[in-house]
């Protein structure tokens, strides 16, 4: 049965829900909103560490709905971030978590990188990880 009446929307809703469920399991939570905020915050932090062309290549592999919030608020002319430190990356995630008290940003980052490893092409993800600063790259678990 169609939820929206448009197969492309139904498919992306299903796929996005599958991603969120997977991330919820990785984060050991049943809070779908928390998983959404974590996915969004970490993807934004990763995106802002990449050259625009590479950020777009990463986006092309994301489900349509995830791709929409990935691009939300993006300012390509300001990327990659000037201060490419692990602490700045973590601060971007904290800010993106919108008031969650003291989120474990290393855990959130690791869970999202694990999700990306499971869901995306290894070769494309490796290109993205290779472009990240070393301290951030280490969070991915990919030896690039």
N, C-alpha and C. Protein backbone atom coordinates (compact mmCIF):
# COMPACT_ATOMS: atom_id res chain seq x y z
N UNK A 1 0.85 -1.18 0.00
CA UNK A 1 0.00 0.00 0.00
C UNK A 1 0.89 1.24 0.00
N UNK A 2 0.54 2.17 -0.82
CA UNK A 2 1.30 3.41 -0.94
C UNK A 2 0.93 4.39 0.15
N UNK A 3 1.95 4.98 0.75
CA UNK A 3 1.73 6.00 1.78
C UNK A 3 1.48 7.35 1.14
N UNK A 4 2.27 7.68 0.12
CA UNK A 4 2.23 9.01 -0.47
C UNK A 4 1.55 9.06 -1.83
N UNK A 5 1.41 7.91 -2.47
CA UNK A 5 0.88 7.89 -3.82
C UNK A 5 1.95 8.05 -4.89
N UNK A 6 3.18 8.29 -4.46
CA UNK A 6 4.31 8.40 -5.38
C UNK A 6 5.37 7.37 -4.98
N UNK A 7 5.63 6.41 -5.86
CA UNK A 7 6.59 5.36 -5.51
C UNK A 7 7.96 5.88 -5.06
N UNK A 8 8.47 6.94 -5.70
CA UNK A 8 9.79 7.45 -5.34
C UNK A 8 9.78 7.96 -3.89
N UNK A 9 8.69 8.59 -3.46
CA UNK A 9 8.60 9.07 -2.08
C UNK A 9 8.44 7.91 -1.11
N UNK A 10 7.59 6.94 -1.48
CA UNK A 10 7.40 5.77 -0.62
C UNK A 10 8.73 5.02 -0.43
N UNK A 11 9.48 4.88 -1.51
CA UNK A 11 10.77 4.17 -1.43
C UNK A 11 11.75 4.91 -0.54
N UNK A 12 11.85 6.23 -0.66
CA UNK A 12 12.81 6.96 0.17
C UNK A 12 12.36 7.00 1.62
N UNK A 13 11.06 7.04 1.89
CA UNK A 13 10.59 6.95 3.28
C UNK A 13 10.97 5.61 3.88
N UNK A 14 10.75 4.54 3.12
CA UNK A 14 11.10 3.21 3.59
C UNK A 14 12.61 3.09 3.84
N UNK A 15 13.39 3.54 2.88
CA UNK A 15 14.85 3.44 3.00
C UNK A 15 15.38 4.30 4.14
N UNK A 16 14.87 5.51 4.28
CA UNK A 16 15.30 6.39 5.37
C UNK A 16 14.93 5.79 6.72
N UNK A 17 13.74 5.23 6.83
CA UNK A 17 13.36 4.56 8.08
C UNK A 17 14.27 3.37 8.38
N UNK A 18 14.68 2.67 7.35
CA UNK A 18 15.61 1.56 7.52
C UNK A 18 16.96 2.06 8.04
N UNK A 19 17.45 3.17 7.49
CA UNK A 19 18.70 3.78 7.96
C UNK A 19 18.57 4.19 9.42
N UNK A 20 17.46 4.84 9.77
CA UNK A 20 17.27 5.29 11.15
C UNK A 20 17.19 4.10 12.11
N UNK A 21 16.49 3.05 11.70
CA UNK A 21 16.40 1.85 12.55
C UNK A 21 17.79 1.26 12.77
N UNK A 22 18.57 1.17 11.71
CA UNK A 22 19.93 0.66 11.80
C UNK A 22 20.77 1.53 12.75
N UNK A 23 20.65 2.84 12.62
CA UNK A 23 21.40 3.74 13.49
C UNK A 23 20.92 3.63 14.93
N UNK A 24 19.63 3.49 15.14
CA UNK A 24 19.11 3.31 16.49
C UNK A 24 19.72 2.08 17.16
N UNK A 25 19.86 1.01 16.40
CA UNK A 25 20.49 -0.20 16.93
C UNK A 25 21.95 0.06 17.28
N UNK A 26 22.65 0.77 16.43
CA UNK A 26 24.06 1.07 16.68
C UNK A 26 24.24 1.98 17.89
N UNK A 27 23.25 2.85 18.13
CA UNK A 27 23.31 3.78 19.27
C UNK A 27 22.65 3.19 20.53
N UNK A 28 22.07 2.02 20.40
CA UNK A 28 21.37 1.37 21.52
C UNK A 28 20.30 2.30 22.10
N UNK A 29 19.44 2.77 21.21
CA UNK A 29 18.35 3.66 21.63
C UNK A 29 17.09 3.28 20.88
N UNK A 30 15.97 3.59 21.46
CA UNK A 30 14.70 3.43 20.75
C UNK A 30 14.11 4.80 20.40
N UNK A 31 14.92 5.83 20.56
CA UNK A 31 14.50 7.21 20.29
C UNK A 31 14.82 7.57 18.84
N UNK A 32 13.80 7.50 17.99
CA UNK A 32 13.97 7.76 16.57
C UNK A 32 14.40 9.21 16.31
N UNK A 33 13.88 10.15 17.10
CA UNK A 33 14.24 11.55 16.94
C UNK A 33 15.72 11.78 17.27
N UNK A 34 16.20 11.10 18.29
CA UNK A 34 17.62 11.21 18.66
C UNK A 34 18.49 10.68 17.52
N UNK A 35 18.11 9.54 16.96
CA UNK A 35 18.87 8.95 15.85
C UNK A 35 18.87 9.89 14.65
N UNK A 36 17.72 10.50 14.37
CA UNK A 36 17.65 11.46 13.26
C UNK A 36 18.58 12.64 13.51
N UNK A 37 18.53 13.21 14.72
CA UNK A 37 19.39 14.36 15.03
C UNK A 37 20.86 13.98 14.93
N UNK A 38 21.20 12.78 15.39
CA UNK A 38 22.59 12.32 15.32
C UNK A 38 23.03 12.16 13.87
N UNK A 39 22.21 11.51 13.06
CA UNK A 39 22.56 11.32 11.65
C UNK A 39 22.74 12.66 10.96
N UNK A 40 21.81 13.55 11.18
CA UNK A 40 21.87 14.88 10.56
C UNK A 40 23.11 15.66 11.03
N UNK A 41 23.35 15.68 12.32
CA UNK A 41 24.47 16.45 12.87
C UNK A 41 25.82 15.91 12.38
N UNK A 42 25.99 14.61 12.38
CA UNK A 42 27.27 14.03 11.95
C UNK A 42 27.45 14.20 10.44
N UNK A 43 26.38 13.98 9.67
CA UNK A 43 26.51 14.19 8.22
C UNK A 43 26.86 15.64 7.91
N UNK A 44 26.26 16.59 8.61
CA UNK A 44 26.60 18.00 8.38
C UNK A 44 28.06 18.26 8.74
N UNK A 45 28.52 17.69 9.84
CA UNK A 45 29.92 17.90 10.25
C UNK A 45 30.88 17.31 9.22
N UNK A 46 30.56 16.12 8.71
CA UNK A 46 31.39 15.51 7.67
C UNK A 46 31.36 16.37 6.41
N UNK A 47 30.15 16.73 5.97
CA UNK A 47 29.98 17.53 4.76
C UNK A 47 30.82 18.81 4.81
N UNK A 48 30.83 19.45 5.96
CA UNK A 48 31.53 20.73 6.09
C UNK A 48 33.05 20.58 6.16
N UNK A 49 33.54 19.36 6.22
CA UNK A 49 34.98 19.09 6.18
C UNK A 49 35.46 18.75 4.77
N UNK A 50 34.54 18.68 3.83
CA UNK A 50 34.87 18.22 2.48
C UNK A 50 34.84 19.35 1.45
N UNK A 51 35.64 19.19 0.41
CA UNK A 51 35.52 20.07 -0.75
C UNK A 51 34.13 19.86 -1.34
N UNK A 52 33.51 20.89 -1.90
CA UNK A 52 32.14 20.77 -2.40
C UNK A 52 31.91 19.60 -3.37
N UNK A 53 32.84 19.37 -4.27
CA UNK A 53 32.65 18.27 -5.23
C UNK A 53 32.57 16.92 -4.52
N UNK A 54 33.42 16.71 -3.55
CA UNK A 54 33.41 15.45 -2.81
C UNK A 54 32.16 15.35 -1.93
N UNK A 55 31.74 16.46 -1.36
CA UNK A 55 30.50 16.47 -0.57
C UNK A 55 29.32 16.07 -1.44
N UNK A 56 29.31 16.52 -2.68
CA UNK A 56 28.23 16.17 -3.60
C UNK A 56 28.29 14.69 -3.98
N UNK A 57 29.49 14.14 -4.13
CA UNK A 57 29.63 12.71 -4.43
C UNK A 57 29.08 11.87 -3.28
N UNK A 58 29.36 12.30 -2.05
CA UNK A 58 28.81 11.59 -0.90
C UNK A 58 27.28 11.69 -0.92
N UNK A 59 26.75 12.86 -1.16
CA UNK A 59 25.30 13.06 -1.18
C UNK A 59 24.62 12.16 -2.20
N UNK A 60 25.26 11.95 -3.33
CA UNK A 60 24.66 11.15 -4.39
C UNK A 60 24.39 9.72 -3.95
N UNK A 61 25.06 9.25 -2.93
CA UNK A 61 24.86 7.88 -2.45
C UNK A 61 23.81 7.78 -1.35
N UNK A 62 23.35 8.90 -0.86
CA UNK A 62 22.39 8.91 0.24
C UNK A 62 20.97 8.74 -0.28
N UNK A 63 20.09 8.15 0.53
CA UNK A 63 18.67 8.11 0.15
C UNK A 63 18.16 9.53 -0.09
N UNK A 64 17.20 9.67 -0.96
CA UNK A 64 16.68 10.99 -1.35
C UNK A 64 16.33 11.86 -0.15
N UNK A 65 15.63 11.33 0.81
CA UNK A 65 15.22 12.11 1.98
C UNK A 65 16.43 12.51 2.83
N UNK A 66 17.36 11.58 3.03
CA UNK A 66 18.58 11.88 3.79
C UNK A 66 19.39 12.93 3.04
N UNK A 67 19.45 12.81 1.73
CA UNK A 67 20.17 13.79 0.92
C UNK A 67 19.58 15.19 1.11
N UNK A 68 18.29 15.27 1.26
CA UNK A 68 17.64 16.57 1.48
C UNK A 68 18.11 17.23 2.75
N UNK A 69 18.14 16.50 3.87
CA UNK A 69 18.59 17.15 5.10
C UNK A 69 20.10 17.26 5.17
N UNK A 70 20.81 16.46 4.39
CA UNK A 70 22.26 16.59 4.28
C UNK A 70 22.61 17.96 3.70
N UNK A 71 21.88 18.37 2.66
CA UNK A 71 22.15 19.65 2.00
C UNK A 71 21.59 20.85 2.76
N UNK A 72 20.68 20.63 3.69
CA UNK A 72 20.04 21.73 4.40
C UNK A 72 21.08 22.63 5.06
N UNK A 73 21.01 23.91 4.75
CA UNK A 73 21.89 24.90 5.36
C UNK A 73 23.33 24.92 4.83
N UNK A 74 23.61 24.12 3.82
CA UNK A 74 24.98 24.03 3.31
C UNK A 74 25.38 25.31 2.61
N UNK A 75 26.61 25.75 2.88
CA UNK A 75 27.20 26.89 2.20
C UNK A 75 28.52 26.44 1.58
N UNK A 76 28.46 25.93 0.35
CA UNK A 76 29.64 25.34 -0.28
C UNK A 76 30.86 26.26 -0.30
N UNK A 77 30.65 27.56 -0.42
CA UNK A 77 31.78 28.49 -0.47
C UNK A 77 32.54 28.53 0.85
N UNK A 78 31.93 28.04 1.91
CA UNK A 78 32.58 28.04 3.23
C UNK A 78 33.18 26.68 3.60
N UNK A 79 33.23 25.77 2.64
CA UNK A 79 33.78 24.45 2.94
C UNK A 79 35.00 24.18 2.08
N UNK A 80 35.94 23.40 2.59
CA UNK A 80 35.90 22.79 3.92
C UNK A 80 36.14 23.82 5.02
N UNK A 81 35.82 23.42 6.22
CA UNK A 81 35.99 24.29 7.38
C UNK A 81 37.42 24.78 7.46
N UNK A 82 37.57 25.99 7.94
CA UNK A 82 38.91 26.57 8.07
C UNK A 82 39.70 25.86 9.18
N UNK A 83 39.09 25.70 10.33
CA UNK A 83 39.73 25.03 11.47
C UNK A 83 39.33 23.57 11.44
N UNK A 84 40.15 22.75 10.86
CA UNK A 84 39.80 21.36 10.65
C UNK A 84 40.33 20.48 11.77
N UNK A 85 39.91 20.77 12.99
CA UNK A 85 40.37 19.99 14.13
C UNK A 85 39.27 19.05 14.60
N UNK A 86 39.66 18.03 15.33
CA UNK A 86 38.70 17.09 15.89
C UNK A 86 37.75 17.80 16.84
N UNK A 87 38.25 18.71 17.66
CA UNK A 87 37.38 19.42 18.60
C UNK A 87 36.36 20.28 17.87
N UNK A 88 36.75 20.92 16.78
CA UNK A 88 35.78 21.70 16.00
C UNK A 88 34.73 20.80 15.35
N UNK A 89 35.16 19.64 14.88
CA UNK A 89 34.24 18.65 14.32
C UNK A 89 33.23 18.23 15.39
N UNK A 90 33.73 17.91 16.58
CA UNK A 90 32.85 17.52 17.68
C UNK A 90 31.92 18.66 18.08
N UNK A 91 32.42 19.88 18.07
CA UNK A 91 31.57 21.02 18.44
C UNK A 91 30.45 21.21 17.41
N UNK A 92 30.74 20.98 16.15
CA UNK A 92 29.71 21.08 15.12
C UNK A 92 28.61 20.05 15.38
N UNK A 93 28.99 18.86 15.82
CA UNK A 93 28.01 17.82 16.12
C UNK A 93 27.19 18.22 17.36
N UNK A 94 27.87 18.71 18.39
CA UNK A 94 27.15 19.17 19.59
C UNK A 94 26.11 20.22 19.22
N UNK A 95 26.51 21.18 18.40
CA UNK A 95 25.59 22.23 17.97
C UNK A 95 24.43 21.63 17.19
N UNK A 96 24.73 20.68 16.33
CA UNK A 96 23.69 20.03 15.53
C UNK A 96 22.74 19.16 16.32
N UNK A 97 23.14 18.77 17.52
CA UNK A 97 22.26 17.94 18.36
C UNK A 97 21.19 18.78 19.06
N UNK A 98 21.20 20.08 18.85
CA UNK A 98 20.14 20.98 19.31
C UNK A 98 19.73 20.78 20.76
N UNK A 99 20.68 21.03 21.65
CA UNK A 99 20.33 21.08 23.06
C UNK A 99 20.40 19.77 23.81
N UNK A 100 20.74 18.67 23.16
CA UNK A 100 20.92 17.44 23.92
C UNK A 100 22.05 17.67 24.91
N UNK A 101 21.81 17.45 26.18
CA UNK A 101 22.86 17.72 27.15
C UNK A 101 24.02 16.74 27.00
N UNK A 102 25.19 17.29 26.74
CA UNK A 102 26.43 16.50 26.68
C UNK A 102 26.32 15.23 25.84
N UNK A 103 26.02 15.35 24.56
CA UNK A 103 25.99 14.14 23.73
C UNK A 103 27.39 13.55 23.61
N UNK A 104 27.48 12.24 23.58
CA UNK A 104 28.76 11.55 23.39
C UNK A 104 29.09 11.61 21.90
N UNK A 105 29.73 12.68 21.50
CA UNK A 105 29.94 12.95 20.08
C UNK A 105 30.87 11.93 19.41
N UNK A 106 31.82 11.40 20.15
CA UNK A 106 32.69 10.37 19.56
C UNK A 106 31.86 9.12 19.26
N UNK A 107 30.97 8.76 20.16
CA UNK A 107 30.10 7.59 19.96
C UNK A 107 29.14 7.83 18.80
N UNK A 108 28.55 9.02 18.74
CA UNK A 108 27.65 9.36 17.64
C UNK A 108 28.38 9.29 16.31
N UNK A 109 29.57 9.87 16.26
CA UNK A 109 30.37 9.88 15.03
C UNK A 109 30.68 8.46 14.59
N UNK A 110 31.14 7.66 15.53
CA UNK A 110 31.47 6.27 15.21
C UNK A 110 30.27 5.50 14.69
N UNK A 111 29.12 5.69 15.30
CA UNK A 111 27.90 4.99 14.87
C UNK A 111 27.50 5.41 13.46
N UNK A 112 27.58 6.70 13.16
CA UNK A 112 27.22 7.16 11.82
C UNK A 112 28.23 6.67 10.80
N UNK A 113 29.51 6.71 11.12
CA UNK A 113 30.51 6.17 10.19
C UNK A 113 30.26 4.67 9.97
N UNK A 114 29.92 3.93 11.03
CA UNK A 114 29.60 2.50 10.87
C UNK A 114 28.39 2.31 9.95
N UNK A 115 27.39 3.15 10.12
CA UNK A 115 26.20 3.09 9.27
C UNK A 115 26.59 3.34 7.81
N UNK A 116 27.40 4.37 7.58
CA UNK A 116 27.83 4.67 6.22
C UNK A 116 28.63 3.52 5.63
N UNK A 117 29.48 2.90 6.45
CA UNK A 117 30.26 1.74 5.99
C UNK A 117 29.34 0.60 5.55
N UNK A 118 28.26 0.41 6.28
CA UNK A 118 27.34 -0.67 5.98
C UNK A 118 26.44 -0.37 4.78
N UNK A 119 26.17 0.90 4.53
CA UNK A 119 25.16 1.27 3.55
C UNK A 119 25.70 1.83 2.23
N UNK A 120 26.94 2.29 2.23
CA UNK A 120 27.48 2.94 1.02
C UNK A 120 28.59 2.12 0.40
N UNK A 121 28.92 2.46 -0.81
CA UNK A 121 30.03 1.85 -1.50
C UNK A 121 31.33 2.12 -0.73
N UNK A 122 32.07 1.07 -0.46
CA UNK A 122 33.31 1.23 0.29
C UNK A 122 34.27 2.17 -0.43
N UNK A 123 34.39 2.02 -1.73
CA UNK A 123 35.33 2.86 -2.49
C UNK A 123 34.98 4.34 -2.40
N UNK A 124 33.71 4.67 -2.52
CA UNK A 124 33.30 6.07 -2.43
C UNK A 124 33.50 6.60 -1.01
N UNK A 125 33.15 5.79 -0.02
CA UNK A 125 33.33 6.22 1.36
C UNK A 125 34.81 6.39 1.69
N UNK A 126 35.64 5.53 1.14
CA UNK A 126 37.08 5.65 1.36
C UNK A 126 37.61 6.98 0.82
N UNK A 127 37.10 7.41 -0.35
CA UNK A 127 37.51 8.71 -0.90
C UNK A 127 37.15 9.84 0.05
N UNK A 128 35.95 9.77 0.61
CA UNK A 128 35.49 10.79 1.55
C UNK A 128 36.39 10.79 2.78
N UNK A 129 36.61 9.63 3.34
CA UNK A 129 37.40 9.52 4.58
C UNK A 129 38.82 10.00 4.34
N UNK A 130 39.39 9.67 3.20
CA UNK A 130 40.75 10.09 2.88
C UNK A 130 40.89 11.61 2.84
N UNK A 131 39.80 12.31 2.54
CA UNK A 131 39.83 13.77 2.45
C UNK A 131 39.68 14.45 3.81
N UNK A 132 39.34 13.69 4.83
CA UNK A 132 39.14 14.26 6.17
C UNK A 132 40.47 14.43 6.89
N UNK A 133 40.55 15.39 7.80
CA UNK A 133 41.74 15.50 8.64
C UNK A 133 41.99 14.19 9.40
N UNK A 134 43.25 13.90 9.68
CA UNK A 134 43.64 12.61 10.27
C UNK A 134 42.83 12.26 11.52
N UNK A 135 42.67 13.19 12.46
CA UNK A 135 41.95 12.88 13.71
C UNK A 135 40.50 12.50 13.45
N UNK A 136 39.89 13.13 12.49
CA UNK A 136 38.51 12.81 12.15
C UNK A 136 38.45 11.50 11.37
N UNK A 137 39.40 11.32 10.47
CA UNK A 137 39.49 10.09 9.66
C UNK A 137 39.55 8.86 10.57
N UNK A 138 40.24 8.96 11.68
CA UNK A 138 40.38 7.82 12.59
C UNK A 138 39.05 7.38 13.19
N UNK A 139 38.08 8.29 13.28
CA UNK A 139 36.76 7.93 13.82
C UNK A 139 36.03 6.96 12.91
N UNK A 140 36.38 6.96 11.63
CA UNK A 140 35.65 6.15 10.64
C UNK A 140 35.98 4.67 10.73
N UNK A 141 37.14 4.34 11.23
CA UNK A 141 37.55 2.94 11.23
C UNK A 141 38.15 2.49 9.91
N UNK A 142 38.13 3.37 8.90
CA UNK A 142 38.71 3.05 7.59
C UNK A 142 40.18 3.46 7.63
N UNK A 143 41.02 2.58 7.22
CA UNK A 143 42.45 2.88 7.13
C UNK A 143 42.74 3.44 5.76
N UNK A 144 42.59 4.75 5.63
CA UNK A 144 42.81 5.40 4.32
C UNK A 144 44.00 6.30 4.36
